[in-house]
Amino acid sequence: MNINEICANPKKHSMNVASLGGPVLDSPVKGQSFLDENSRISLATEISQIESLKHKTIPSLEVAGPHKKLFHDPAQTRVAIVTCGGLCPGLNNVIKGLVEVLSYDYGVRMIFGIRYGYMGLNPRYGLTAMHLTPETVDNIHESGGTMLGSSRGNQDPKVMVDTLSMQLNVNILFCVGGDGTLRGAQEIIKEITKRKAPISVVCIPKTIDNDLNLLDRTFGFETCVQSASEIIKSAHVEANGIPNGIGLVKVMGRDSGFIAAHASLASSVTNFCIIPEVPLALDGEHGLLKALDRRFFKYRKDHVVMVVAEGAGQDLFSAAAAKDASGNVLKHDIGHFLVDKISEYFKKSGKEVNIKYIDPSYIIRSIPANSSDAIFCFQLAENAVHAAMAGKTSVVVGSFKGAFVLVPLEYVISERKKIDTESALWHAVIGSTRQNSYFFDNSYENELPGRSAGMDYLSGEKTRL
């Protein structure tokens, strides 16, 4: 359910956030303006979209922020925080932000950190929850990872809700994670709803791939791009240091190529950017192998820097893909696959190339957040607390068109955000790398009119780039 689909059928999509009940308690928050409860951000931002919705309900998202009235009594509130899935820069910043806003703005004292993701809500693992205070989280933002630990995999929602309601007696649960975590949160919410338990579940989106639906940005992405771009520059140095050197860097991006695209632009040294959204052809006149051959031996370039997202080229593998404990499809290793295929191709043709392969995935995702992400993490945490204390539930706090909003959980997990290959972003990548010049054998000086906007850069199919 993307923006276009929602705007085309606005009556089907109210986008209203669920609530446990009417807030009646005065908020203790000081020094900040309270929200107008009717304040919303339109999903339709282009004039053509708005005009098409004349005389119709305009789909919109609730603005995030502090509410004048609360549902949960701060003096009685007990909170649990869980971090799940793969590591990502900023997890500790979010934990610290949640604890500090709960403690300082609302006076909440009982805050529990759940150990190792949803496993910590299953007593069979014997993981005792941590009592979190501003003192215990004081310096955690200086380290990567999560002080609570993380894990993948599903747990029985009945068992998890038993732990939340009967053992910890919490009335607010913050779930910090990506697509798998949010799906797990949805199952918890279903069980809470069956029991009519007064527990708010508020999610803070964490996916390093930046691929969650209806959200501009997820935390950790900018840190990842910054780190990846430096590694790509190192690959450029390596490639230049050997005859016909190829610096091949694999970055994260299971289904979306945002890291590869942004890091390629940021580094300004990438010659080929390979993403999941565009089919990858190895052989033939417009295949990758021939394109590399042209760059080296026709255009006389002495090196190549290639950035590939982990989810690219998966249709080149014959074996069926397995799934991880969270239900995510495990991608085949496109990095080593390309190393083998490129080496084989040039060996058969009697031409020398030297490949330096770098996979920095686990380095990138485990570093501390940069300044921009650190600020973003605190703002997400702050708005998540405001929403939870007002009794909002089954909601994701995120950024849309530069504003902090509340998005119903079902919409965020309905589909993944992907790069539009007709967008300015992808056109910029094609322009920066000049890779079409090698795929389609047209020099910079004599590039045919419309060539860069005429064919899919890898498969040779007609498309606009």
Protein backbone atom coordinates (compact mmCIF):
# COMPACT_ATOMS: atom_id res chain seq x y z
CA MET A 1 0.00 0.00 0.00
CA ASN A 2 2.18 2.82 -1.28
CA ILE A 3 1.30 6.51 -1.41
CA ASN A 4 -0.17 6.33 -4.93
CA GLU A 5 -2.42 3.41 -4.03
CA ILE A 6 -3.60 5.12 -0.85
CA CYS A 7 -4.32 8.40 -2.65
CA ALA A 8 -6.19 6.53 -5.40
CA ASN A 9 -8.56 4.96 -2.84
CA PRO A 10 -8.67 7.41 0.09
CA LYS A 11 -11.93 6.01 1.50
CA LYS A 12 -10.23 2.67 2.12
CA HIS A 13 -7.33 4.21 4.04
CA SER A 14 -8.21 6.40 7.02
CA MET A 15 -4.63 6.21 8.37
CA ASN A 16 -6.03 6.82 11.86
CA VAL A 17 -3.85 5.62 14.72
CA ALA A 18 -5.33 3.15 17.22
CA SER A 19 -5.70 4.26 20.83
CA LEU A 20 -6.39 2.40 24.08
CA GLY A 21 -8.95 4.97 25.14
CA GLY A 22 -9.65 8.60 25.81
CA PRO A 23 -6.76 10.44 27.50
CA VAL A 24 -7.90 12.26 30.64
CA LEU A 25 -4.76 12.91 32.73
CA ASP A 26 -2.81 16.17 32.57
CA SER A 27 0.65 15.86 31.03
CA PRO A 28 3.62 16.82 33.23
CA VAL A 29 5.70 17.87 30.20
CA LYS A 30 7.06 21.41 30.61
CA GLY A 31 8.58 23.93 28.22
CA GLN A 32 7.04 22.53 25.03
CA SER A 33 3.90 23.34 23.10
CA PHE A 34 1.28 20.62 23.06
CA LEU A 35 -0.10 19.23 19.84
CA ASP A 36 -3.32 20.30 18.27
CA GLU A 37 -5.05 16.91 18.32
CA ASN A 38 -6.35 17.53 14.79
CA SER A 39 -2.91 18.27 13.35
CA ARG A 40 -2.16 16.00 10.38
CA ILE A 41 0.21 15.84 7.39
CA SER A 42 -1.29 15.17 3.96
CA LEU A 43 0.05 12.16 2.08
CA ALA A 44 -0.75 13.98 -1.14
CA THR A 45 1.97 16.58 -1.54
CA GLU A 46 1.95 17.21 -5.28
CA ILE A 47 -0.58 19.65 -6.74
CA SER A 48 -1.80 17.05 -9.23
CA GLN A 49 -2.46 14.58 -6.43
CA ILE A 50 -4.28 17.19 -4.34
CA GLU A 51 -6.41 18.31 -7.27
CA SER A 52 -7.38 14.73 -8.05
CA LEU A 53 -8.71 14.43 -4.49
CA LYS A 54 -11.17 17.33 -4.76
CA HIS A 55 -14.38 16.53 -2.91
CA LYS A 56 -12.69 13.46 -1.42
CA THR A 57 -11.11 12.77 1.93
CA ILE A 58 -7.42 13.58 1.70
CA PRO A 59 -5.39 10.75 3.27
CA SER A 60 -3.16 12.06 6.03
CA LEU A 61 -0.93 11.05 8.91
CA GLU A 62 -1.19 12.17 12.52
CA VAL A 63 1.60 14.54 13.55
CA ALA A 64 3.79 13.25 16.38
CA GLY A 65 4.51 15.25 19.53
CA PRO A 66 3.49 15.84 23.17
CA HIS A 67 -0.19 15.59 24.07
CA LYS A 68 -1.89 17.78 26.65
CA LYS A 69 -3.81 14.81 28.04
CA LEU A 70 -2.41 11.36 28.78
CA PHE A 71 -3.94 7.90 28.93
CA HIS A 72 -1.22 6.31 31.08
CA ASP A 73 -0.57 7.65 34.57
CA PRO A 74 3.20 8.32 34.77
CA ALA A 75 3.27 7.35 38.44
CA GLN A 76 1.85 3.92 37.62
CA THR A 77 3.48 3.36 34.23
CA ARG A 78 5.81 0.42 33.69
CA VAL A 79 7.72 0.25 30.40
CA ALA A 80 9.58 -2.44 28.46
CA ILE A 81 12.08 -1.75 25.64
CA VAL A 82 13.15 -4.45 23.18
CA THR A 83 15.67 -4.28 20.31
CA CYS A 84 15.52 -6.98 17.64
CA GLY A 85 17.10 -8.03 14.35
CA GLY A 86 20.51 -7.10 12.98
CA LEU A 87 22.65 -4.42 14.54
CA CYS A 88 22.41 -0.86 13.29
CA PRO A 89 24.11 2.43 14.22
CA GLY A 90 21.94 4.32 16.69
CA LEU A 91 20.31 1.53 18.68
CA ASN A 92 21.92 2.67 21.91
CA ASN A 93 20.97 6.28 21.13
CA VAL A 94 17.32 5.25 20.87
CA ILE A 95 17.45 3.30 24.14
CA LYS A 96 19.04 6.25 25.90
CA GLY A 97 16.52 8.67 24.42
CA LEU A 98 13.57 6.54 25.53
CA VAL A 99 14.88 6.22 29.07
CA GLU A 100 15.71 9.92 29.42
CA VAL A 101 12.40 11.22 28.06
CA LEU A 102 10.40 8.76 30.16
CA SER A 103 12.39 9.67 33.26
CA TYR A 104 12.91 13.41 32.91
CA ASP A 105 9.76 14.53 31.07
CA TYR A 106 7.23 12.12 32.56
CA GLY A 107 8.76 10.90 35.81
CA VAL A 108 8.43 7.21 34.87
CA ARG A 109 10.68 5.11 37.09
CA MET A 110 10.01 1.49 36.15
CA ILE A 111 11.71 0.95 32.79
CA PHE A 112 12.83 -2.54 31.79
CA GLY A 113 15.29 -3.47 29.06
CA ILE A 114 14.44 -6.82 27.49
CA ARG A 115 17.55 -8.93 26.78
CA TYR A 116 18.29 -10.31 23.30
CA GLY A 117 15.17 -9.29 21.45
CA TYR A 118 11.92 -11.21 21.69
CA MET A 119 13.83 -14.13 23.26
CA GLY A 120 13.90 -12.05 26.44
CA LEU A 121 10.09 -12.21 26.62
CA ASN A 122 10.15 -16.01 26.71
CA PRO A 123 10.96 -17.36 30.21
CA ARG A 124 12.44 -20.58 28.81
CA TYR A 125 15.63 -18.70 27.93
CA GLY A 126 16.14 -17.45 31.50
CA LEU A 127 16.96 -13.88 30.46
CA THR A 128 16.27 -11.43 33.26
CA ALA A 129 15.09 -7.96 32.23
CA MET A 130 17.39 -5.05 33.09
CA HIS A 131 16.18 -2.10 35.15
CA LEU A 132 17.09 0.98 33.12
CA THR A 133 17.74 4.43 34.56
CA PRO A 134 19.35 7.59 33.17
CA GLU A 135 22.50 6.54 35.00
CA THR A 136 22.67 3.07 33.44
CA VAL A 137 22.30 4.49 29.91
CA ASP A 138 24.49 7.57 30.40
CA ASN A 139 27.35 6.58 28.08
CA ILE A 140 25.87 3.84 25.91
CA HIS A 141 25.55 6.12 22.85
CA GLU A 142 29.34 6.12 22.56
CA SER A 143 29.29 2.44 21.59
CA GLY A 144 27.84 0.64 18.60
CA GLY A 145 25.33 -2.17 18.86
CA THR A 146 22.71 -2.38 21.60
CA MET A 147 23.32 -2.70 25.32
CA LEU A 148 20.27 -4.98 25.49
CA GLY A 149 21.51 -7.42 22.87
CA SER A 150 19.43 -8.54 19.94
CA SER A 151 18.23 -11.68 18.20
CA ARG A 152 16.19 -12.88 15.26
CA GLY A 153 13.32 -15.33 15.30
CA ASN A 154 9.71 -15.59 16.36
CA GLN A 155 8.45 -16.36 19.84
CA ASP A 156 4.98 -17.43 20.88
CA PRO A 157 2.95 -14.20 21.25
CA LYS A 158 0.90 -15.74 24.06
CA VAL A 159 4.07 -16.39 26.06
CA MET A 160 5.42 -12.91 25.34
CA VAL A 161 2.20 -11.21 26.42
CA ASP A 162 2.12 -13.36 29.57
CA THR A 163 5.59 -12.02 30.40
CA LEU A 164 4.58 -8.43 29.67
CA SER A 165 1.29 -8.45 31.54
CA MET A 166 1.86 -10.89 34.39
CA GLN A 167 5.59 -10.96 35.14
CA LEU A 168 6.64 -7.41 34.28
CA ASN A 169 3.17 -5.87 34.59
CA VAL A 170 4.02 -3.30 31.90
CA ASN A 171 1.58 -1.05 30.11
CA ILE A 172 3.93 0.27 27.40
CA LEU A 173 6.16 -1.74 25.07
CA PHE A 174 8.65 -0.09 22.71
CA CYS A 175 9.78 -2.32 19.83
CA VAL A 176 12.91 -1.12 18.05
CA GLY A 177 13.62 -2.97 14.83
CA GLY A 178 13.01 -3.53 11.15
CA ASP A 179 10.47 -5.41 9.09
CA GLY A 180 10.72 -8.69 11.03
CA THR A 181 10.53 -6.90 14.38
CA LEU A 182 7.46 -4.95 13.29
CA ARG A 183 5.74 -8.13 12.13
CA GLY A 184 6.50 -9.62 15.54
CA ALA A 185 5.05 -6.54 17.21
CA GLN A 186 1.88 -6.99 15.16
CA GLU A 187 1.48 -10.53 16.53
CA ILE A 188 1.97 -9.24 20.08
CA ILE A 189 -0.69 -6.58 19.46
CA LYS A 190 -3.16 -9.18 18.23
CA GLU A 191 -2.73 -11.15 21.44
CA ILE A 192 -3.00 -8.00 23.58
CA THR A 193 -6.20 -7.07 21.74
CA LYS A 194 -7.71 -10.52 22.38
CA ARG A 195 -7.08 -10.08 26.08
CA LYS A 196 -8.21 -6.45 26.07
CA ALA A 197 -5.04 -5.65 27.98
CA PRO A 198 -4.25 -1.91 28.39
CA ILE A 199 -0.76 -2.13 26.83
CA SER A 200 0.44 0.40 24.26
CA VAL A 201 2.83 -0.97 21.62
CA VAL A 202 4.84 1.71 19.84
CA CYS A 203 7.49 0.86 17.25
CA ILE A 204 10.64 2.74 16.28
CA PRO A 205 11.75 1.73 12.77
CA LYS A 206 15.27 0.37 12.45
CA THR A 207 16.51 -0.93 9.14
CA ILE A 208 19.89 -0.05 7.78
CA ASP A 209 18.53 -0.59 4.25
CA ASN A 210 16.16 2.41 4.59
CA ASP A 211 13.40 0.39 2.93
CA LEU A 212 10.34 0.81 5.16
CA ASN A 213 7.14 1.91 3.45
CA LEU A 214 5.86 5.51 3.88
CA LEU A 215 8.97 6.61 5.78
CA ASP A 216 11.56 9.05 4.45
CA ARG A 217 14.40 7.69 6.48
CA THR A 218 15.29 5.13 9.11
CA PHE A 219 17.97 5.70 11.72
CA GLY A 220 21.47 4.41 11.05
CA PHE A 221 21.19 4.83 7.29
CA GLU A 222 23.20 8.07 7.10
CA THR A 223 25.95 6.62 9.30
CA CYS A 224 26.05 3.55 7.09
CA VAL A 225 26.33 5.62 3.90
CA GLN A 226 29.10 7.73 5.41
CA SER A 227 31.08 4.66 6.46
CA ALA A 228 30.46 2.79 3.20
CA SER A 229 31.56 5.75 1.10
CA GLU A 230 34.92 5.82 2.90
CA ILE A 231 35.37 2.10 2.29
CA ILE A 232 34.55 2.61 -1.40
CA LYS A 233 37.26 5.25 -1.54
CA SER A 234 39.67 2.69 -0.05
CA ALA A 235 38.61 0.22 -2.73
CA HIS A 236 39.45 2.91 -5.29
CA VAL A 237 42.96 3.20 -3.85
CA GLU A 238 43.37 -0.59 -3.94
CA ALA A 239 42.14 -0.80 -7.53
CA ASN A 240 44.54 1.91 -8.63
CA GLY A 241 47.47 0.18 -6.96
CA ILE A 242 47.51 -2.91 -9.20
CA PRO A 243 47.36 -3.53 -12.97
CA ASN A 244 43.75 -3.58 -14.22
CA GLY A 245 42.56 -3.50 -10.65
CA ILE A 246 38.93 -4.07 -9.68
CA GLY A 247 37.78 -2.85 -6.28
CA LEU A 248 34.54 -4.73 -5.61
CA VAL A 249 32.57 -3.65 -2.54
CA LYS A 250 29.44 -5.45 -1.36
CA VAL A 251 27.11 -3.45 0.86
CA MET A 252 23.85 -4.23 2.62
CA GLY A 253 20.58 -3.99 0.75
CA ARG A 254 18.49 -7.15 0.63
CA ASP A 255 15.67 -5.83 -1.53
CA SER A 256 16.52 -2.16 -1.99
CA GLY A 257 19.69 -0.50 -3.22
CA PHE A 258 19.59 2.74 -1.25
CA ILE A 259 22.93 2.18 0.52
CA ALA A 260 24.69 1.26 -2.72
CA ALA A 261 23.22 4.23 -4.58
CA HIS A 262 23.85 6.85 -1.90
CA ALA A 263 27.33 5.59 -1.02
CA SER A 264 28.26 5.52 -4.71
CA LEU A 265 27.20 9.14 -5.07
CA ALA A 266 28.91 10.16 -1.84
CA SER A 267 32.23 8.53 -2.75
CA SER A 268 32.26 9.89 -6.35
CA VAL A 269 34.66 7.13 -7.46
CA THR A 270 32.22 4.33 -8.32
CA ASN A 271 32.15 3.10 -11.92
CA PHE A 272 29.44 0.44 -11.59
CA CYS A 273 26.57 0.44 -9.07
CA ILE A 274 24.54 -2.77 -9.04
CA ILE A 275 21.22 -2.81 -7.17
CA PRO A 276 18.34 -5.30 -6.67
CA GLU A 277 15.83 -3.06 -8.46
CA VAL A 278 17.57 -3.49 -11.82
CA PRO A 279 18.03 -6.97 -13.38
CA LEU A 280 21.63 -8.05 -13.64
CA ALA A 281 22.84 -9.62 -16.90
CA LEU A 282 26.35 -11.06 -16.91
CA ASP A 283 26.73 -12.22 -20.50
CA GLY A 284 25.99 -10.76 -23.92
CA GLU A 285 26.77 -7.45 -25.56
CA HIS A 286 25.06 -5.48 -22.80
CA GLY A 287 26.15 -7.70 -19.91
CA LEU A 288 28.39 -6.77 -17.02
CA LEU A 289 31.36 -8.85 -18.19
CA LYS A 290 31.45 -7.20 -21.60
CA ALA A 291 31.05 -3.78 -19.97
CA LEU A 292 34.11 -4.41 -17.78
CA ASP A 293 36.05 -5.62 -20.82
CA ARG A 294 35.18 -2.42 -22.70
CA ARG A 295 36.23 -0.16 -19.84
CA PHE A 296 39.62 -1.82 -19.51
CA PHE A 297 40.56 -2.75 -23.04
CA LYS A 298 38.61 -0.43 -25.33
CA TYR A 299 38.47 2.79 -23.34
CA ARG A 300 41.86 2.09 -21.75
CA LYS A 301 40.83 2.73 -18.15
CA ASP A 302 43.27 1.25 -15.67
CA HIS A 303 40.87 0.40 -12.84
CA VAL A 304 37.23 -0.30 -11.89
CA VAL A 305 35.35 0.40 -8.67
CA MET A 306 32.14 -1.61 -8.40
CA VAL A 307 29.54 -1.37 -5.62
CA VAL A 308 26.96 -4.14 -5.38
CA ALA A 309 24.02 -4.44 -3.01
CA GLU A 310 23.71 -7.86 -1.36
CA GLY A 311 20.30 -8.55 -2.90
CA ALA A 312 21.32 -7.84 -6.50
CA GLY A 313 21.45 -10.56 -9.16
CA GLN A 314 19.63 -13.20 -7.13
CA ASP A 315 17.97 -14.63 -10.24
CA LEU A 316 21.42 -15.73 -11.42
CA PHE A 317 21.48 -18.45 -8.76
CA SER A 318 19.82 -21.80 -9.38
CA ALA A 319 19.49 -22.92 -5.76
CA ALA A 320 16.41 -21.92 -3.80
CA ALA A 321 16.98 -19.29 -1.14
CA ALA A 322 16.61 -20.20 2.53
CA LYS A 323 15.13 -17.98 5.23
CA ASP A 324 16.58 -16.71 8.49
CA ALA A 325 14.93 -17.04 11.90
CA SER A 326 12.91 -13.86 11.33
CA GLY A 327 11.48 -15.09 8.04
CA ASN A 328 13.70 -12.92 5.85
CA VAL A 329 14.98 -14.51 2.65
CA LEU A 330 18.70 -15.24 2.94
CA LYS A 331 20.34 -13.86 -0.16
CA HIS A 332 22.93 -15.80 -2.11
CA ASP A 333 26.42 -14.31 -1.91
CA ILE A 334 26.50 -12.08 -4.99
CA GLY A 335 29.93 -10.71 -4.02
CA HIS A 336 31.88 -13.95 -4.24
CA PHE A 337 29.76 -15.01 -7.21
CA LEU A 338 30.87 -11.92 -9.16
CA VAL A 339 34.49 -12.40 -8.16
CA ASP A 340 34.39 -15.95 -9.57
CA LYS A 341 32.53 -15.02 -12.77
CA ILE A 342 34.72 -12.00 -13.53
CA SER A 343 37.92 -13.96 -12.88
CA GLU A 344 36.72 -16.84 -15.07
CA TYR A 345 35.73 -14.53 -17.93
CA PHE A 346 39.03 -12.67 -18.15
CA LYS A 347 41.09 -15.82 -17.64
CA LYS A 348 39.36 -17.45 -20.62
CA SER A 349 39.96 -14.36 -22.77
CA GLY A 350 43.63 -14.28 -21.80
CA LYS A 351 43.40 -10.83 -20.23
CA GLU A 352 44.70 -9.95 -16.79
CA VAL A 353 42.57 -8.33 -14.11
CA ASN A 354 43.18 -8.24 -10.36
CA ILE A 355 40.22 -8.18 -8.00
CA LYS A 356 40.20 -6.82 -4.47
CA TYR A 357 36.95 -7.87 -2.79
CA ILE A 358 35.68 -6.04 0.30
CA ASP A 359 32.59 -6.92 2.35
CA PRO A 360 32.33 -4.34 5.16
CA SER A 361 28.75 -5.20 6.18
CA TYR A 362 29.39 -6.20 9.80
CA ILE A 363 31.82 -3.34 10.30
CA ILE A 364 29.37 -0.75 9.02
CA ARG A 365 26.37 -1.88 11.02
CA SER A 366 28.21 -2.12 14.37
CA ILE A 367 29.68 1.39 14.56
CA PRO A 368 28.25 4.25 16.69
CA ALA A 369 25.82 6.67 15.07
CA ASN A 370 27.16 9.85 13.51
CA SER A 371 25.90 13.27 14.64
CA SER A 372 22.98 13.42 12.22
CA ASP A 373 21.71 9.97 13.13
CA ALA A 374 22.24 10.62 16.84
CA ILE A 375 19.94 13.65 16.69
CA PHE A 376 17.39 11.71 14.63
CA CYS A 377 17.43 8.81 17.11
CA PHE A 378 16.64 11.07 20.05
CA GLN A 379 13.79 12.75 18.16
CA LEU A 380 12.31 9.37 17.26
CA ALA A 381 12.57 8.22 20.87
CA GLU A 382 11.04 11.44 22.17
CA ASN A 383 8.05 11.24 19.85
CA ALA A 384 7.60 7.53 20.56
CA VAL A 385 7.29 8.27 24.28
CA HIS A 386 4.79 11.08 23.66
CA ALA A 387 2.63 8.76 21.55
CA ALA A 388 2.78 5.89 24.06
CA MET A 389 1.91 8.03 27.08
CA ALA A 390 -1.15 9.33 25.21
CA GLY A 391 -2.34 5.75 24.77
CA LYS A 392 -1.49 5.35 21.09
CA THR A 393 -0.82 1.79 20.01
CA SER A 394 -0.05 -0.36 16.95
CA VAL A 395 1.87 2.58 15.56
CA VAL A 396 5.27 3.38 14.06
CA VAL A 397 6.97 6.71 14.72
CA GLY A 398 8.84 8.02 11.72
CA SER A 399 9.71 10.87 9.40
CA PHE A 400 7.51 11.78 6.42
CA LYS A 401 8.31 14.77 4.22
CA GLY A 402 10.55 16.11 6.99
CA ALA A 403 7.89 15.94 9.74
CA PHE A 404 7.63 13.42 12.56
CA VAL A 405 4.42 11.45 12.17
CA LEU A 406 2.56 8.41 13.48
CA VAL A 407 1.95 5.70 10.88
CA PRO A 408 -0.37 2.75 11.54
CA LEU A 409 1.81 -0.36 11.80
CA GLU A 410 -0.02 -2.30 9.10
CA TYR A 411 0.93 0.25 6.44
CA VAL A 412 4.64 0.24 7.25
CA ILE A 413 4.94 -3.54 6.88
CA SER A 414 2.62 -3.84 3.87
CA GLU A 415 5.49 -3.55 1.37
CA ARG A 416 9.13 -2.51 1.05
CA LYS A 417 10.28 0.82 -0.28
CA LYS A 418 12.49 0.52 -3.37
CA ILE A 419 14.48 2.83 -5.62
CA ASP A 420 12.41 4.19 -8.47
CA THR A 421 14.66 3.65 -11.49
CA GLU A 422 13.04 6.66 -13.18
CA SER A 423 13.85 8.91 -10.23
CA ALA A 424 16.35 11.72 -9.92
CA LEU A 425 18.33 9.59 -7.45
CA TRP A 426 18.95 6.76 -9.89
CA HIS A 427 19.57 9.15 -12.78
CA ALA A 428 22.23 10.82 -10.62
CA VAL A 429 23.88 7.45 -9.99
CA ILE A 430 23.90 6.66 -13.72
CA GLY A 431 25.35 10.12 -14.42
CA SER A 432 28.01 9.86 -11.73
CA THR A 433 29.21 6.35 -12.61
CA ARG A 434 28.84 6.74 -16.42
CA GLN A 435 28.23 2.98 -16.45
CA ASN A 436 25.91 3.14 -19.48
CA SER A 437 28.92 4.17 -21.53
CA TYR A 438 30.39 0.71 -20.93
CA PHE A 439 27.20 -1.31 -21.05
CA PHE A 440 26.17 0.22 -24.38
CA ASP A 441 29.58 1.06 -25.85
CA ASN A 442 29.07 4.79 -26.32
CA SER A 443 31.84 7.20 -25.37
CA TYR A 444 31.33 10.26 -23.19
CA GLU A 445 31.86 12.62 -26.11
CA ASN A 446 29.65 10.80 -28.61
CA GLU A 447 26.85 9.58 -26.36
CA LEU A 448 23.74 9.26 -28.49
CA PRO A 449 20.79 11.54 -27.63
CA GLY A 450 18.47 9.71 -25.31
CA ARG A 451 20.88 6.81 -24.80
CA SER A 452 21.16 7.30 -21.03
CA ALA A 453 17.37 7.40 -20.84
CA GLY A 454 16.79 4.71 -23.42
CA MET A 455 17.60 1.28 -22.02
CA ASP A 456 17.77 -0.64 -18.78
CA TYR A 457 21.46 -0.32 -17.88
CA LEU A 458 21.97 -4.03 -17.33
CA SER A 459 19.28 -6.06 -19.03
CA GLY A 460 19.07 -4.03 -22.24
CA GLU A 461 15.31 -3.62 -21.88
CA LYS A 462 13.66 -0.33 -22.73
CA THR A 463 13.22 1.93 -19.75
CA ARG A 464 13.74 5.51 -18.65
CA LEU A 465 16.62 6.10 -16.27
